[in-house]
Amino acid sequence: MERARGAERDRTRTETWVREDRTEEPTPAKAAPPAATRGGGRRRKRLPPEIGAELSEAVGTSRATRLAGRLAEATRAYEADRYRDAVRIVKPLAEAAPGAAAVRELYGLARYRLGHWNEAIRELEAFRSLTGSFDQHPTLADCYRAKKRWRQVDELWEELRAASPNPEVVAEGRIVVAGALADRGRVAEAIDVLERAKTDLRRPRAHHLRLWYALGDLYERAGELTRAREFFRRVLEFDPDLYDTAERLAAIR
């Protein structure tokens, strides 16, 4: 859960989940980065060693070096928001190395960014099966949300909540499941899901701000404008540039 009205409005949206097939504004959220980009602030020129080892196991050492170069190229395209290029580059890799989790994850995320929900589901389900990781549960649930496959959204949330892998991933899962509840007209339940999250009022982290924005959105939709203003003001206090918070607050009468 995710989000901008319609398509991306500007560069500040590149870290939000955009639902292009919706008429209402989804809640903002952020997908976990693919494995090839984790663990550092700079863009990588080379893949982490563990991914090279994974490719070697999947296709053999002789082919792995060439595929690693292509995967690194696809990763750079993804980081630069060139999602169509990332798909073009990584698709043959997914066909050549279907057992390489990092390849399937990157391919799924690039498909997700383009709104290719069925393809994203296929790849991210493969990543989930290969790794047992919960990192992409929110993204996968958001794909099912776009397809209105509510049972799968709820099941992924229950898995994520039970595992509690890390606070940020759980927070993103909350945002998605709350958005899915709101999509079904269950706004009060959606608010309850988000209100149950623990946040730090004095030193909030980025995912706390996204939760507050989502709560502001839901309270506005519920007609509880005082509460909506409260949450939008919280976001503005710590990050005036997050999403369209200032405009949303100014528009509430």
C-alpha atoms as a PDB file:
ATOM      1  CA  MET A   1       0.000   0.000   0.000  1.00  0.00           C
ATOM      2  CA  GLU A   2       0.703   3.280  -2.058  1.00  0.00           C
ATOM      3  CA  ARG A   3       0.425   6.334  -3.380  1.00  0.00           C
ATOM      4  CA  ALA A   4      -0.196   8.798  -6.211  1.00  0.00           C
ATOM      5  CA  ARG A   5      -3.411   9.504  -8.134  1.00  0.00           C
ATOM      6  CA  GLY A   6      -3.126   7.797 -11.487  1.00  0.00           C
ATOM      7  CA  ALA A   7       0.445   7.633 -12.731  1.00  0.00           C
ATOM      8  CA  GLU A   8       3.608   9.070 -11.204  1.00  0.00           C
ATOM      9  CA  ARG A   9       3.452  12.867 -10.857  1.00  0.00           C
ATOM     10  CA  ASP A  10       7.115  13.652 -10.504  1.00  0.00           C
ATOM     11  CA  ARG A  11      10.484  12.338  -9.417  1.00  0.00           C
ATOM     12  CA  THR A  12       9.449  12.326  -5.769  1.00  0.00           C
ATOM     13  CA  ARG A  13       7.111   9.496  -6.708  1.00  0.00           C
ATOM     14  CA  THR A  14       9.822   7.090  -7.795  1.00  0.00           C
ATOM     15  CA  GLU A  15       9.899   5.453  -4.376  1.00  0.00           C
ATOM     16  CA  THR A  16       6.100   5.130  -4.150  1.00  0.00           C
ATOM     17  CA  TRP A  17       3.911   2.336  -5.356  1.00  0.00           C
ATOM     18  CA  VAL A  18       1.783   3.734  -8.107  1.00  0.00           C
ATOM     19  CA  ARG A  19      -1.502   2.170  -9.038  1.00  0.00           C
ATOM     20  CA  GLU A  20      -2.216   3.249 -12.612  1.00  0.00           C
ATOM     21  CA  ASP A  21      -5.477   1.328 -12.914  1.00  0.00           C
ATOM     22  CA  ARG A  22      -7.199   2.929  -9.931  1.00  0.00           C
ATOM     23  CA  THR A  23      -9.499   5.935  -9.820  1.00  0.00           C
ATOM     24  CA  GLU A  24      -8.870   6.653  -6.147  1.00  0.00           C
ATOM     25  CA  GLU A  25      -5.579   7.499  -4.572  1.00  0.00           C
ATOM     26  CA  PRO A  26      -3.854   4.457  -3.120  1.00  0.00           C
ATOM     27  CA  THR A  27      -1.780   4.707   0.032  1.00  0.00           C
ATOM     28  CA  PRO A  28       1.955   5.481  -0.275  1.00  0.00           C
ATOM     29  CA  ALA A  29       4.408   2.684   0.337  1.00  0.00           C
ATOM     30  CA  LYS A  30       7.853   1.595  -0.738  1.00  0.00           C
ATOM     31  CA  ALA A  31       9.083  -1.686  -2.154  1.00  0.00           C
ATOM     32  CA  ALA A  32      12.163  -3.315  -0.704  1.00  0.00           C
ATOM     33  CA  PRO A  33      15.107  -2.895  -3.097  1.00  0.00           C
ATOM     34  CA  PRO A  34      16.266  -5.936  -5.042  1.00  0.00           C
ATOM     35  CA  ALA A  35      19.027  -8.007  -3.483  1.00  0.00           C
ATOM     36  CA  ALA A  36      21.589  -6.767  -5.977  1.00  0.00           C
ATOM     37  CA  THR A  37      21.270  -3.215  -4.630  1.00  0.00           C
ATOM     38  CA  ARG A  38      21.032  -3.848  -0.896  1.00  0.00           C
ATOM     39  CA  GLY A  39      23.656  -3.079   1.657  1.00  0.00           C
ATOM     40  CA  GLY A  40      25.073   0.226   0.451  1.00  0.00           C
ATOM     41  CA  GLY A  41      24.188   3.781  -0.476  1.00  0.00           C
ATOM     42  CA  ARG A  42      26.122   3.970  -3.749  1.00  0.00           C
ATOM     43  CA  ARG A  43      25.123   2.274  -6.913  1.00  0.00           C
ATOM     44  CA  ARG A  44      27.092  -0.900  -7.368  1.00  0.00           C
ATOM     45  CA  LYS A  45      29.379  -1.511 -10.323  1.00  0.00           C
ATOM     46  CA  ARG A  46      29.538  -5.194  -9.424  1.00  0.00           C
ATOM     47  CA  LEU A  47      27.094  -7.594  -7.886  1.00  0.00           C
ATOM     48  CA  PRO A  48      27.519  -8.848  -4.322  1.00  0.00           C
ATOM     49  CA  PRO A  49      29.563 -12.087  -4.206  1.00  0.00           C
ATOM     50  CA  GLU A  50      26.627 -14.120  -2.929  1.00  0.00           C
ATOM     51  CA  ILE A  51      24.664 -13.324  -6.083  1.00  0.00           C
ATOM     52  CA  GLY A  52      27.553 -14.416  -8.258  1.00  0.00           C
ATOM     53  CA  ALA A  53      27.625 -17.686  -6.323  1.00  0.00           C
ATOM     54  CA  GLU A  54      23.874 -18.053  -6.817  1.00  0.00           C
ATOM     55  CA  LEU A  55      24.243 -17.616 -10.564  1.00  0.00           C
ATOM     56  CA  SER A  56      27.074 -20.130 -10.678  1.00  0.00           C
ATOM     57  CA  GLU A  57      24.913 -22.669  -8.914  1.00  0.00           C
ATOM     58  CA  ALA A  58      22.000 -21.978 -11.260  1.00  0.00           C
ATOM     59  CA  VAL A  59      23.804 -22.032 -14.631  1.00  0.00           C
ATOM     60  CA  GLY A  60      27.373 -23.134 -14.003  1.00  0.00           C
ATOM     61  CA  THR A  61      30.524 -21.094 -13.564  1.00  0.00           C
ATOM     62  CA  SER A  62      31.269 -20.592 -17.248  1.00  0.00           C
ATOM     63  CA  ARG A  63      27.915 -18.922 -17.988  1.00  0.00           C
ATOM     64  CA  ALA A  64      27.623 -17.164 -14.658  1.00  0.00           C
ATOM     65  CA  THR A  65      30.200 -14.475 -15.425  1.00  0.00           C
ATOM     66  CA  ARG A  66      28.390 -13.302 -18.547  1.00  0.00           C
ATOM     67  CA  LEU A  67      24.990 -13.423 -16.861  1.00  0.00           C
ATOM     68  CA  ALA A  68      26.339 -11.514 -13.859  1.00  0.00           C
ATOM     69  CA  GLY A  69      27.386  -8.683 -16.149  1.00  0.00           C
ATOM     70  CA  ARG A  70      23.937  -8.531 -17.671  1.00  0.00           C
ATOM     71  CA  LEU A  71      22.284  -8.662 -14.259  1.00  0.00           C
ATOM     72  CA  ALA A  72      24.463  -5.784 -13.068  1.00  0.00           C
ATOM     73  CA  GLU A  73      23.400  -3.824 -16.169  1.00  0.00           C
ATOM     74  CA  ALA A  74      19.726  -4.557 -15.474  1.00  0.00           C
ATOM     75  CA  THR A  75      20.190  -3.498 -11.857  1.00  0.00           C
ATOM     76  CA  ARG A  76      21.669  -0.152 -12.922  1.00  0.00           C
ATOM     77  CA  ALA A  77      18.715   0.399 -15.255  1.00  0.00           C
ATOM     78  CA  TYR A  78      16.298  -0.357 -12.431  1.00  0.00           C
ATOM     79  CA  GLU A  79      18.077   2.025 -10.055  1.00  0.00           C
ATOM     80  CA  ALA A  80      17.853   4.748 -12.705  1.00  0.00           C
ATOM     81  CA  ASP A  81      14.075   4.162 -12.991  1.00  0.00           C
ATOM     82  CA  ARG A  82      14.503   2.778 -16.514  1.00  0.00           C
ATOM     83  CA  TYR A  83      12.161  -0.086 -15.827  1.00  0.00           C
ATOM     84  CA  ARG A  84      11.480  -1.025 -19.439  1.00  0.00           C
ATOM     85  CA  ASP A  85      15.201  -1.359 -20.057  1.00  0.00           C
ATOM     86  CA  ALA A  86      15.534  -3.436 -16.903  1.00  0.00           C
ATOM     87  CA  VAL A  87      12.792  -5.781 -18.112  1.00  0.00           C
ATOM     88  CA  ARG A  88      14.348  -6.076 -21.559  1.00  0.00           C
ATOM     89  CA  ILE A  89      17.726  -6.985 -20.092  1.00  0.00           C
ATOM     90  CA  VAL A  90      16.647  -9.261 -17.279  1.00  0.00           C
ATOM     91  CA  LYS A  91      13.905 -11.250 -19.048  1.00  0.00           C
ATOM     92  CA  PRO A  92      16.354 -13.532 -20.911  1.00  0.00           C
ATOM     93  CA  LEU A  93      18.248 -14.034 -17.653  1.00  0.00           C
ATOM     94  CA  ALA A  94      15.102 -15.223 -15.898  1.00  0.00           C
ATOM     95  CA  GLU A  95      14.531 -17.685 -18.733  1.00  0.00           C
ATOM     96  CA  ALA A  96      18.140 -18.878 -18.638  1.00  0.00           C
ATOM     97  CA  ALA A  97      18.452 -19.065 -14.845  1.00  0.00           C
ATOM     98  CA  PRO A  98      14.969 -19.664 -13.375  1.00  0.00           C
ATOM     99  CA  GLY A  99      16.547 -20.882 -10.140  1.00  0.00           C
ATOM    100  CA  ALA A 100      18.416 -17.611  -9.505  1.00  0.00           C
ATOM    101  CA  ALA A 101      16.385 -15.793  -6.860  1.00  0.00           C
ATOM    102  CA  ALA A 102      18.049 -12.408  -7.395  1.00  0.00           C
ATOM    103  CA  VAL A 103      17.166 -12.526 -11.095  1.00  0.00           C
ATOM    104  CA  ARG A 104      13.540 -13.437 -10.453  1.00  0.00           C
ATOM    105  CA  GLU A 105      13.262 -10.714  -7.789  1.00  0.00           C
ATOM    106  CA  LEU A 106      14.629  -7.964 -10.015  1.00  0.00           C
ATOM    107  CA  TYR A 107      12.486  -9.059 -12.938  1.00  0.00           C
ATOM    108  CA  GLY A 108       9.404  -9.086 -10.710  1.00  0.00           C
ATOM    109  CA  LEU A 109      10.105  -5.642  -9.288  1.00  0.00           C
ATOM    110  CA  ALA A 110      10.683  -4.129 -12.720  1.00  0.00           C
ATOM    111  CA  ARG A 111       7.414  -5.655 -13.947  1.00  0.00           C
ATOM    112  CA  TYR A 112       5.700  -4.297 -10.850  1.00  0.00           C
ATOM    113  CA  ARG A 113       6.964  -0.776 -11.511  1.00  0.00           C
ATOM    114  CA  LEU A 114       5.434  -0.964 -14.976  1.00  0.00           C
ATOM    115  CA  GLY A 115       2.080  -2.161 -13.670  1.00  0.00           C
ATOM    116  CA  HIS A 116       2.466  -5.624 -15.222  1.00  0.00           C
ATOM    117  CA  TRP A 117       0.703  -7.301 -12.309  1.00  0.00           C
ATOM    118  CA  ASN A 118       0.435 -10.883 -13.591  1.00  0.00           C
ATOM    119  CA  GLU A 119       4.091 -11.051 -14.614  1.00  0.00           C
ATOM    120  CA  ALA A 120       5.181  -9.426 -11.357  1.00  0.00           C
ATOM    121  CA  ILE A 121       3.153 -11.959  -9.367  1.00  0.00           C
ATOM    122  CA  ARG A 122       4.731 -14.854 -11.252  1.00  0.00           C
ATOM    123  CA  GLU A 123       8.266 -13.638 -10.633  1.00  0.00           C
ATOM    124  CA  LEU A 124       7.818 -12.529  -7.035  1.00  0.00           C
ATOM    125  CA  GLU A 125       6.059 -15.774  -6.154  1.00  0.00           C
ATOM    126  CA  ALA A 126       9.084 -17.573  -7.616  1.00  0.00           C
ATOM    127  CA  PHE A 127      11.404 -15.413  -5.510  1.00  0.00           C
ATOM    128  CA  ARG A 128       9.330 -16.169  -2.422  1.00  0.00           C
ATOM    129  CA  SER A 129       9.426 -19.910  -3.141  1.00  0.00           C
ATOM    130  CA  LEU A 130      13.165 -19.962  -3.837  1.00  0.00           C
ATOM    131  CA  THR A 131      14.211 -17.977  -0.774  1.00  0.00           C
ATOM    132  CA  GLY A 132      11.516 -18.109   1.883  1.00  0.00           C
ATOM    133  CA  SER A 133      12.161 -14.373   2.256  1.00  0.00           C
ATOM    134  CA  PHE A 134       9.473 -11.933   3.395  1.00  0.00           C
ATOM    135  CA  ASP A 135      11.181  -8.897   1.828  1.00  0.00           C
ATOM    136  CA  GLN A 136       8.811  -8.652  -1.121  1.00  0.00           C
ATOM    137  CA  HIS A 137       5.603  -9.702   0.622  1.00  0.00           C
ATOM    138  CA  PRO A 138       4.276  -6.104   0.581  1.00  0.00           C
ATOM    139  CA  THR A 139       5.044  -5.713  -3.119  1.00  0.00           C
ATOM    140  CA  LEU A 140       3.507  -9.068  -3.958  1.00  0.00           C
ATOM    141  CA  ALA A 141       0.437  -8.250  -1.877  1.00  0.00           C
ATOM    142  CA  ASP A 142       0.133  -4.943  -3.702  1.00  0.00           C
ATOM    143  CA  CYS A 143       0.082  -6.790  -7.028  1.00  0.00           C
ATOM    144  CA  TYR A 144      -2.716  -9.000  -5.746  1.00  0.00           C
ATOM    145  CA  ARG A 145      -4.470  -5.871  -4.498  1.00  0.00           C
ATOM    146  CA  ALA A 146      -4.342  -4.424  -8.014  1.00  0.00           C
ATOM    147  CA  LYS A 147      -5.982  -7.621  -9.282  1.00  0.00           C
ATOM    148  CA  LYS A 148      -8.575  -7.496  -6.461  1.00  0.00           C
ATOM    149  CA  ARG A 149      -7.441 -10.880  -5.232  1.00  0.00           C
ATOM    150  CA  TRP A 150      -8.238 -10.046  -1.643  1.00  0.00           C
ATOM    151  CA  ARG A 151      -7.684 -13.507  -0.152  1.00  0.00           C
ATOM    152  CA  GLN A 152      -4.068 -13.535  -1.302  1.00  0.00           C
ATOM    153  CA  VAL A 153      -3.530 -10.024   0.108  1.00  0.00           C
ATOM    154  CA  ASP A 154      -4.871 -11.112   3.490  1.00  0.00           C
ATOM    155  CA  GLU A 155      -2.856 -14.333   3.521  1.00  0.00           C
ATOM    156  CA  LEU A 156       0.390 -12.532   2.744  1.00  0.00           C
ATOM    157  CA  TRP A 157      -0.310 -10.020   5.489  1.00  0.00           C
ATOM    158  CA  GLU A 158      -0.957 -12.785   8.025  1.00  0.00           C
ATOM    159  CA  GLU A 159       2.335 -14.452   7.061  1.00  0.00           C
ATOM    160  CA  LEU A 160       4.213 -11.176   7.307  1.00  0.00           C
ATOM    161  CA  ARG A 161       2.654 -10.213  10.628  1.00  0.00           C
ATOM    162  CA  ALA A 162       3.445 -13.604  12.136  1.00  0.00           C
ATOM    163  CA  ALA A 163       7.059 -13.538  10.944  1.00  0.00           C
ATOM    164  CA  SER A 164       7.708  -9.840  11.747  1.00  0.00           C
ATOM    165  CA  PRO A 165      10.958  -9.823   9.705  1.00  0.00           C
ATOM    166  CA  ASN A 166      11.800  -6.156  10.288  1.00  0.00           C
ATOM    167  CA  PRO A 167       9.754  -3.070  11.187  1.00  0.00           C
ATOM    168  CA  GLU A 168       9.938  -1.384   7.799  1.00  0.00           C
ATOM    169  CA  VAL A 169       8.764  -4.405   5.814  1.00  0.00           C
ATOM    170  CA  VAL A 170       5.930  -4.992   8.288  1.00  0.00           C
ATOM    171  CA  ALA A 171       4.934  -1.313   8.048  1.00  0.00           C
ATOM    172  CA  GLU A 172       4.758  -1.517   4.254  1.00  0.00           C
ATOM    173  CA  GLY A 173       2.641  -4.646   4.583  1.00  0.00           C
ATOM    174  CA  ARG A 174       0.289  -2.785   6.901  1.00  0.00           C
ATOM    175  CA  ILE A 175      -0.093   0.008   4.378  1.00  0.00           C
ATOM    176  CA  VAL A 176      -0.945  -2.430   1.602  1.00  0.00           C
ATOM    177  CA  VAL A 177      -3.471  -4.461   3.581  1.00  0.00           C
ATOM    178  CA  ALA A 178      -5.067  -1.262   4.885  1.00  0.00           C
ATOM    179  CA  GLY A 179      -5.354  -0.003   1.318  1.00  0.00           C
ATOM    180  CA  ALA A 180      -6.952  -3.283   0.282  1.00  0.00           C
ATOM    181  CA  LEU A 181      -9.497  -3.002   3.097  1.00  0.00           C
ATOM    182  CA  ALA A 182     -10.290   0.574   2.072  1.00  0.00           C
ATOM    183  CA  ASP A 183     -10.688  -0.555  -1.544  1.00  0.00           C
ATOM    184  CA  ARG A 184     -13.495  -2.812  -0.293  1.00  0.00           C
ATOM    185  CA  GLY A 185     -15.153   0.012   1.613  1.00  0.00           C
ATOM    186  CA  ARG A 186     -13.863  -1.169   4.993  1.00  0.00           C
ATOM    187  CA  VAL A 187     -12.230   2.134   5.899  1.00  0.00           C
ATOM    188  CA  ALA A 188     -12.728   1.812   9.666  1.00  0.00           C
ATOM    189  CA  GLU A 189     -10.923  -1.558   9.637  1.00  0.00           C
ATOM    190  CA  ALA A 190      -8.160  -0.074   7.497  1.00  0.00           C
ATOM    191  CA  ILE A 191      -7.652   2.715  10.018  1.00  0.00           C
ATOM    192  CA  ASP A 192      -7.526   0.195  12.853  1.00  0.00           C
ATOM    193  CA  VAL A 193      -4.804  -1.821  11.102  1.00  0.00           C
ATOM    194  CA  LEU A 194      -2.601   1.271  10.805  1.00  0.00           C
ATOM    195  CA  GLU A 195      -3.392   2.654  14.242  1.00  0.00           C
ATOM    196  CA  ARG A 196      -2.081  -0.574  15.772  1.00  0.00           C
ATOM    197  CA  ALA A 197       1.411   0.141  14.420  1.00  0.00           C
ATOM    198  CA  LYS A 198       3.942   1.543  16.877  1.00  0.00           C
ATOM    199  CA  THR A 199       5.512   4.802  15.735  1.00  0.00           C
ATOM    200  CA  ASP A 200       7.968   7.235  17.274  1.00  0.00           C
ATOM    201  CA  LEU A 201       6.448  10.690  17.665  1.00  0.00           C
ATOM    202  CA  ARG A 202       9.773  12.362  18.474  1.00  0.00           C
ATOM    203  CA  ARG A 203      12.176  10.608  16.099  1.00  0.00           C
ATOM    204  CA  PRO A 204      10.068   8.949  13.427  1.00  0.00           C
ATOM    205  CA  ARG A 205      11.662   6.786  10.777  1.00  0.00           C
ATOM    206  CA  ALA A 206      10.728   6.994   7.113  1.00  0.00           C
ATOM    207  CA  HIS A 207       8.161   4.208   7.336  1.00  0.00           C
ATOM    208  CA  HIS A 208       6.485   5.944  10.279  1.00  0.00           C
ATOM    209  CA  LEU A 209       5.913   8.975   8.062  1.00  0.00           C
ATOM    210  CA  ARG A 210       4.411   6.801   5.356  1.00  0.00           C
ATOM    211  CA  LEU A 211       2.073   5.233   7.914  1.00  0.00           C
ATOM    212  CA  TRP A 212       1.000   8.694   9.091  1.00  0.00           C
ATOM    213  CA  TYR A 213       0.357   9.825   5.528  1.00  0.00           C
ATOM    214  CA  ALA A 214      -1.761   6.738   4.927  1.00  0.00           C
ATOM    215  CA  LEU A 215      -3.702   7.423   8.117  1.00  0.00           C
ATOM    216  CA  GLY A 216      -4.276  11.025   7.059  1.00  0.00           C
ATOM    217  CA  ASP A 217      -5.631   9.775   3.759  1.00  0.00           C
ATOM    218  CA  LEU A 218      -7.931   7.240   5.385  1.00  0.00           C
ATOM    219  CA  TYR A 219      -9.249   9.661   7.999  1.00  0.00           C
ATOM    220  CA  GLU A 220     -10.019  12.163   5.259  1.00  0.00           C
ATOM    221  CA  ARG A 221     -11.902   9.498   3.332  1.00  0.00           C
ATOM    222  CA  ALA A 222     -13.815   8.628   6.513  1.00  0.00           C
ATOM    223  CA  GLY A 223     -14.800  12.280   6.947  1.00  0.00           C
ATOM    224  CA  GLU A 224     -12.794  12.646  10.167  1.00  0.00           C
ATOM    225  CA  LEU A 225     -11.057  15.801   9.031  1.00  0.00           C
ATOM    226  CA  THR A 226      -9.571  16.810  12.391  1.00  0.00           C
ATOM    227  CA  ARG A 227      -7.704  13.510  12.595  1.00  0.00           C
ATOM    228  CA  ALA A 228      -6.683  13.776   8.940  1.00  0.00           C
ATOM    229  CA  ARG A 229      -5.163  17.206   9.580  1.00  0.00           C
ATOM    230  CA  GLU A 230      -3.337  15.860  12.621  1.00  0.00           C
ATOM    231  CA  PHE A 231      -1.572  13.128  10.662  1.00  0.00           C
ATOM    232  CA  PHE A 232      -0.745  15.282   7.662  1.00  0.00           C
ATOM    233  CA  ARG A 233       0.734  17.886  10.022  1.00  0.00           C
ATOM    234  CA  ARG A 234       2.866  15.214  11.669  1.00  0.00           C
ATOM    235  CA  VAL A 235       4.292  14.279   8.283  1.00  0.00           C
ATOM    236  CA  LEU A 236       4.975  17.912   7.372  1.00  0.00           C
ATOM    237  CA  GLU A 237       6.801  18.517  10.630  1.00  0.00           C
ATOM    238  CA  PHE A 238       9.460  15.959   9.787  1.00  0.00           C
ATOM    239  CA  ASP A 239       9.425  15.855   5.975  1.00  0.00           C
ATOM    240  CA  PRO A 240       7.719  18.766   4.174  1.00  0.00           C
ATOM    241  CA  ASP A 241       8.518  17.221   0.785  1.00  0.00           C
ATOM    242  CA  LEU A 242       6.991  13.795   1.352  1.00  0.00           C
ATOM    243  CA  TYR A 243       4.409  13.095  -1.336  1.00  0.00           C
ATOM    244  CA  ASP A 244       1.731  15.785  -1.711  1.00  0.00           C
ATOM    245  CA  THR A 245       1.192  16.211   2.021  1.00  0.00           C
ATOM    246  CA  ALA A 246       1.201  20.019   2.019  1.00  0.00           C
ATOM    247  CA  GLU A 247      -1.381  20.130  -0.774  1.00  0.00           C
ATOM    248  CA  ARG A 248      -3.540  17.516   0.927  1.00  0.00           C
ATOM    249  CA  LEU A 249      -3.514  19.448   4.196  1.00  0.00           C
ATOM    250  CA  ALA A 250      -4.272  22.757   2.514  1.00  0.00           C
ATOM    251  CA  ALA A 251      -7.222  21.213   0.685  1.00  0.00           C
ATOM    252  CA  ILE A 252      -8.962  20.011   3.845  1.00  0.00           C
ATOM    253  CA  ARG A 253     -11.706  22.439   4.873  1.00  0.00           C
END
